[in-house]
């Protein structure tokens, strides 16, 4: 069952193993910024003030830019899930 907040359903977040490993190697303040950003996204994935772009050639895949790093995630609306797939620097993330 998904959490309800302020009258609407909140998406669940899932981080892939590679993303968790990436975050473990980052400073604590950056990790907090990432978690804070994804908490905003899970409240409302389509309307926020973050630097997000839809990936061309993919359905429901998006890119979040934080500092010099990128996070690739997909939104599964039918099960209210946001799955963070990849994290890394701009040069490595799209390979």
C-alpha atoms as a PDB file:
ATOM      1  CA  UNK A   1       0.000   0.000   0.000  1.00  0.00           C
ATOM      2  CA  UNK A   2       1.321   3.420  -0.925  1.00  0.00           C
ATOM      3  CA  UNK A   3       1.484   6.305   1.531  1.00  0.00           C
ATOM      4  CA  UNK A   4      -1.098   9.028   1.282  1.00  0.00           C
ATOM      5  CA  UNK A   5      -0.005  12.564   1.972  1.00  0.00           C
ATOM      6  CA  UNK A   6      -2.188  15.646   1.765  1.00  0.00           C
ATOM      7  CA  UNK A   7      -4.917  13.770  -0.107  1.00  0.00           C
ATOM      8  CA  UNK A   8      -2.806  12.174  -2.861  1.00  0.00           C
ATOM      9  CA  UNK A   9      -0.638   9.114  -3.259  1.00  0.00           C
ATOM     10  CA  UNK A  10       3.125   9.392  -2.876  1.00  0.00           C
ATOM     11  CA  UNK A  11       5.432   7.429  -5.141  1.00  0.00           C
ATOM     12  CA  UNK A  12       7.767   4.835  -3.673  1.00  0.00           C
ATOM     13  CA  UNK A  13      11.530   5.216  -4.287  1.00  0.00           C
ATOM     14  CA  UNK A  14      13.850   2.367  -5.241  1.00  0.00           C
ATOM     15  CA  UNK A  15      17.615   2.833  -5.693  1.00  0.00           C
ATOM     16  CA  UNK A  16      19.614   0.316  -7.728  1.00  0.00           C
ATOM     17  CA  UNK A  17      22.762  -1.155  -6.216  1.00  0.00           C
ATOM     18  CA  UNK A  18      25.039   0.978  -8.439  1.00  0.00           C
ATOM     19  CA  UNK A  19      23.347   4.167  -7.246  1.00  0.00           C
ATOM     20  CA  UNK A  20      23.670   3.192  -3.584  1.00  0.00           C
ATOM     21  CA  UNK A  21      27.355   2.422  -4.109  1.00  0.00           C
ATOM     22  CA  UNK A  22      27.844   5.763  -5.879  1.00  0.00           C
ATOM     23  CA  UNK A  23      26.173   7.656  -3.032  1.00  0.00           C
ATOM     24  CA  UNK A  24      28.234   5.885  -0.379  1.00  0.00           C
ATOM     25  CA  UNK A  25      31.361   7.384  -1.957  1.00  0.00           C
ATOM     26  CA  UNK A  26      29.975  10.946  -1.884  1.00  0.00           C
ATOM     27  CA  UNK A  27      30.189  13.537   0.909  1.00  0.00           C
ATOM     28  CA  UNK A  28      27.358  13.550   3.432  1.00  0.00           C
ATOM     29  CA  UNK A  29      26.030  16.978   2.388  1.00  0.00           C
ATOM     30  CA  UNK A  30      25.723  15.840  -1.258  1.00  0.00           C
ATOM     31  CA  UNK A  31      23.947  12.632  -0.199  1.00  0.00           C
ATOM     32  CA  UNK A  32      21.464  14.726   1.774  1.00  0.00           C
ATOM     33  CA  UNK A  33      20.882  16.925  -1.284  1.00  0.00           C
ATOM     34  CA  UNK A  34      20.183  13.847  -3.437  1.00  0.00           C
ATOM     35  CA  UNK A  35      17.730  12.368  -0.928  1.00  0.00           C
ATOM     36  CA  UNK A  36      16.011  15.740  -0.518  1.00  0.00           C
ATOM     37  CA  UNK A  37      15.664  16.095  -4.306  1.00  0.00           C
ATOM     38  CA  UNK A  38      14.178  12.628  -4.755  1.00  0.00           C
ATOM     39  CA  UNK A  39      11.782  13.253  -1.864  1.00  0.00           C
ATOM     40  CA  UNK A  40      10.526  16.283  -3.808  1.00  0.00           C
ATOM     41  CA  UNK A  41      10.222  14.168  -6.960  1.00  0.00           C
ATOM     42  CA  UNK A  42       8.288  11.406  -5.201  1.00  0.00           C
ATOM     43  CA  UNK A  43       5.754  13.958  -3.912  1.00  0.00           C
ATOM     44  CA  UNK A  44       5.054  15.187  -7.442  1.00  0.00           C
ATOM     45  CA  UNK A  45       7.257  13.734 -10.207  1.00  0.00           C
ATOM     46  CA  UNK A  46       5.990  16.039 -12.932  1.00  0.00           C
ATOM     47  CA  UNK A  47       5.862  19.499 -11.372  1.00  0.00           C
ATOM     48  CA  UNK A  48       8.875  20.719  -9.416  1.00  0.00           C
ATOM     49  CA  UNK A  49      11.714  23.217  -9.735  1.00  0.00           C
ATOM     50  CA  UNK A  50      14.536  20.705 -10.180  1.00  0.00           C
ATOM     51  CA  UNK A  51      16.738  20.366 -13.264  1.00  0.00           C
ATOM     52  CA  UNK A  52      14.962  17.399 -14.857  1.00  0.00           C
ATOM     53  CA  UNK A  53      14.711  16.406 -18.505  1.00  0.00           C
ATOM     54  CA  UNK A  54      12.970  13.508 -20.189  1.00  0.00           C
ATOM     55  CA  UNK A  55      15.383  11.175 -21.987  1.00  0.00           C
ATOM     56  CA  UNK A  56      14.866  10.964 -25.722  1.00  0.00           C
ATOM     57  CA  UNK A  57      14.257   7.502 -27.116  1.00  0.00           C
ATOM     58  CA  UNK A  58      12.922   6.143 -23.811  1.00  0.00           C
ATOM     59  CA  UNK A  59       9.472   6.070 -22.284  1.00  0.00           C
ATOM     60  CA  UNK A  60       9.109   7.423 -18.738  1.00  0.00           C
ATOM     61  CA  UNK A  61      12.888   7.832 -18.271  1.00  0.00           C
ATOM     62  CA  UNK A  62      14.256  11.069 -16.862  1.00  0.00           C
ATOM     63  CA  UNK A  63      17.531  12.718 -15.925  1.00  0.00           C
ATOM     64  CA  UNK A  64      18.067  14.735 -12.745  1.00  0.00           C
ATOM     65  CA  UNK A  65      21.101  17.033 -12.697  1.00  0.00           C
ATOM     66  CA  UNK A  66      22.644  17.879  -9.347  1.00  0.00           C
ATOM     67  CA  UNK A  67      25.949  19.721  -9.481  1.00  0.00           C
ATOM     68  CA  UNK A  68      28.247  17.847 -11.892  1.00  0.00           C
ATOM     69  CA  UNK A  69      26.384  14.558 -11.473  1.00  0.00           C
ATOM     70  CA  UNK A  70      23.402  13.016 -13.243  1.00  0.00           C
ATOM     71  CA  UNK A  71      20.808  10.560 -11.987  1.00  0.00           C
ATOM     72  CA  UNK A  72      18.784   8.478 -14.440  1.00  0.00           C
ATOM     73  CA  UNK A  73      15.435   7.271 -13.189  1.00  0.00           C
ATOM     74  CA  UNK A  74      12.206   5.877 -14.544  1.00  0.00           C
ATOM     75  CA  UNK A  75       8.674   6.439 -13.366  1.00  0.00           C
ATOM     76  CA  UNK A  76       6.224   3.558 -13.293  1.00  0.00           C
ATOM     77  CA  UNK A  77       2.874   5.286 -12.886  1.00  0.00           C
ATOM     78  CA  UNK A  78       0.792   2.104 -12.758  1.00  0.00           C
ATOM     79  CA  UNK A  79       2.510   0.974  -9.521  1.00  0.00           C
ATOM     80  CA  UNK A  80       3.555   4.436  -8.225  1.00  0.00           C
ATOM     81  CA  UNK A  81       7.272   3.649  -8.293  1.00  0.00           C
ATOM     82  CA  UNK A  82      10.288   5.818  -9.059  1.00  0.00           C
ATOM     83  CA  UNK A  83      13.292   3.634  -9.813  1.00  0.00           C
ATOM     84  CA  UNK A  84      16.700   5.349  -9.732  1.00  0.00           C
ATOM     85  CA  UNK A  85      18.725   3.331 -12.248  1.00  0.00           C
ATOM     86  CA  UNK A  86      22.078   5.056 -12.683  1.00  0.00           C
ATOM     87  CA  UNK A  87      24.222   7.769 -11.117  1.00  0.00           C
ATOM     88  CA  UNK A  88      27.508   9.307 -12.181  1.00  0.00           C
ATOM     89  CA  UNK A  89      29.275  12.157 -13.879  1.00  0.00           C
ATOM     90  CA  UNK A  90      28.004  13.568 -17.142  1.00  0.00           C
ATOM     91  CA  UNK A  91      30.632  11.805 -19.247  1.00  0.00           C
ATOM     92  CA  UNK A  92      29.927   8.347 -17.822  1.00  0.00           C
ATOM     93  CA  UNK A  93      26.200   8.290 -17.195  1.00  0.00           C
ATOM     94  CA  UNK A  94      24.928   7.929 -20.753  1.00  0.00           C
ATOM     95  CA  UNK A  95      27.192   5.000 -21.744  1.00  0.00           C
END
